[in-house]
Amino acid sequence: MAGAKILTVDWDKPDSFALGTYKASGGYTALPKALKMQPQQIVDEVVKSNLRGRGGAGFPTGMKWNFVRKETTPTRASRAPSRIARSCSARPTCSSRG
């Protein structure tokens, strides 16, 4: 059963990779709302959306973000803005694989 195209719906448009094309199809319409929200409100929205990771376990993204927000250990990373990213999961596309 094929689902509705969401991520790939604009791929056949000219300049589908361009910011203008993204904005013309409704991209960034929620940004003004998000910029007015507190960080925990954004996390709560992600929890309500039931967004899940793309890994095999499909771990809930909102739950992961809540773990990060509640971290209180005074580490160097918690004193400065940081980015959380998954660097490698031993898939064939991972450049650090030997």
Protein backbone atom coordinates (compact mmCIF):
# COMPACT_ATOMS: atom_id res chain seq x y z
CA MET A 1 0.00 0.00 0.00
CA ALA A 2 1.59 3.24 -1.12
CA GLY A 3 1.33 6.23 1.19
CA ALA A 4 0.97 9.86 0.28
CA LYS A 5 4.12 11.58 -0.89
CA ILE A 6 5.18 14.12 1.70
CA LEU A 7 8.94 14.51 1.54
CA THR A 8 9.29 13.89 -2.18
CA VAL A 9 6.23 15.70 -3.54
CA ASP A 10 8.27 18.60 -4.98
CA TRP A 11 11.24 16.65 -6.30
CA ASP A 12 10.11 16.86 -9.91
CA LYS A 13 9.84 20.68 -9.84
CA PRO A 14 12.60 22.76 -11.39
CA ASP A 15 15.00 23.96 -8.70
CA SER A 16 13.38 21.66 -6.14
CA PHE A 17 16.53 22.08 -4.05
CA ALA A 18 16.22 25.89 -3.87
CA LEU A 19 14.95 27.78 -0.85
CA GLY A 20 12.48 29.77 -2.97
CA THR A 21 10.85 26.57 -4.24
CA TYR A 22 10.54 25.29 -0.69
CA LYS A 23 8.96 28.53 0.52
CA ALA A 24 6.57 28.64 -2.48
CA SER A 25 5.18 25.24 -1.47
CA GLY A 26 4.58 26.29 2.13
CA GLY A 27 8.01 25.77 3.67
CA TYR A 28 8.86 27.78 6.78
CA THR A 29 5.23 28.78 7.44
CA ALA A 30 5.53 27.55 11.05
CA LEU A 31 8.82 29.36 11.71
CA PRO A 32 7.28 32.61 13.06
CA LYS A 33 5.21 30.57 15.52
CA ALA A 34 8.23 28.53 16.62
CA LEU A 35 10.35 31.64 17.16
CA LYS A 36 7.77 32.93 19.64
CA MET A 37 7.69 29.68 21.64
CA GLN A 38 9.74 28.68 24.64
CA PRO A 39 12.11 25.71 24.11
CA GLN A 40 9.97 23.31 26.17
CA GLN A 41 6.89 24.30 24.16
CA ILE A 42 8.69 23.25 20.99
CA VAL A 43 9.67 19.93 22.56
CA ASP A 44 6.05 19.43 23.64
CA GLU A 45 4.89 19.99 20.04
CA VAL A 46 7.38 17.40 18.81
CA VAL A 47 6.14 14.95 21.47
CA LYS A 48 2.51 15.54 20.38
CA SER A 49 3.45 14.98 16.73
CA ASN A 50 4.70 11.45 17.52
CA LEU A 51 7.69 12.06 15.26
CA ARG A 52 10.05 9.10 15.38
CA GLY A 53 13.64 8.51 14.37
CA ARG A 54 14.45 6.68 11.18
CA GLY A 55 16.51 4.00 12.88
CA GLY A 56 15.27 0.45 13.30
CA ALA A 57 13.80 1.16 16.73
CA GLY A 58 11.93 4.29 15.62
CA PHE A 59 12.74 5.99 18.91
CA PRO A 60 10.40 8.93 19.69
CA THR A 61 12.18 12.18 18.85
CA GLY A 62 10.28 14.20 21.46
CA MET A 63 11.36 11.78 24.17
CA LYS A 64 14.98 12.13 23.09
CA TRP A 65 14.70 15.93 23.11
CA ASN A 66 13.20 15.80 26.61
CA PHE A 67 16.17 13.76 27.82
CA VAL A 68 18.52 16.43 26.50
CA ARG A 69 16.52 19.32 28.01
CA LYS A 70 16.50 17.66 31.44
CA GLU A 71 20.26 17.00 31.50
CA THR A 72 21.70 18.94 34.42
CA THR A 73 25.25 17.63 34.62
CA PRO A 74 27.57 20.67 34.58
CA THR A 75 29.64 19.59 31.60
CA ARG A 76 31.32 21.83 29.10
CA ALA A 77 28.62 21.01 26.55
CA SER A 78 25.82 22.08 28.88
CA ARG A 79 27.35 25.52 29.44
CA ALA A 80 27.33 26.45 25.79
CA PRO A 81 24.92 25.99 22.89
CA SER A 82 25.42 22.62 21.34
CA ARG A 83 24.19 20.49 18.49
CA ILE A 84 23.19 16.88 18.89
CA ALA A 85 23.75 14.66 15.90
CA ARG A 86 24.15 11.01 15.20
CA SER A 87 27.53 10.71 13.58
CA CYS A 88 27.65 7.06 12.62
CA SER A 89 25.58 3.96 13.04
CA ALA A 90 27.86 1.57 11.11
CA ARG A 91 25.79 1.75 7.93
CA PRO A 92 27.52 1.44 4.54
CA THR A 93 27.23 5.21 4.04
CA CYS A 94 29.24 5.95 7.19
CA SER A 95 32.62 7.35 6.18
CA SER A 96 34.38 6.23 9.38
CA ARG A 97 33.71 2.56 8.71
CA GLY A 98 36.80 0.54 8.01
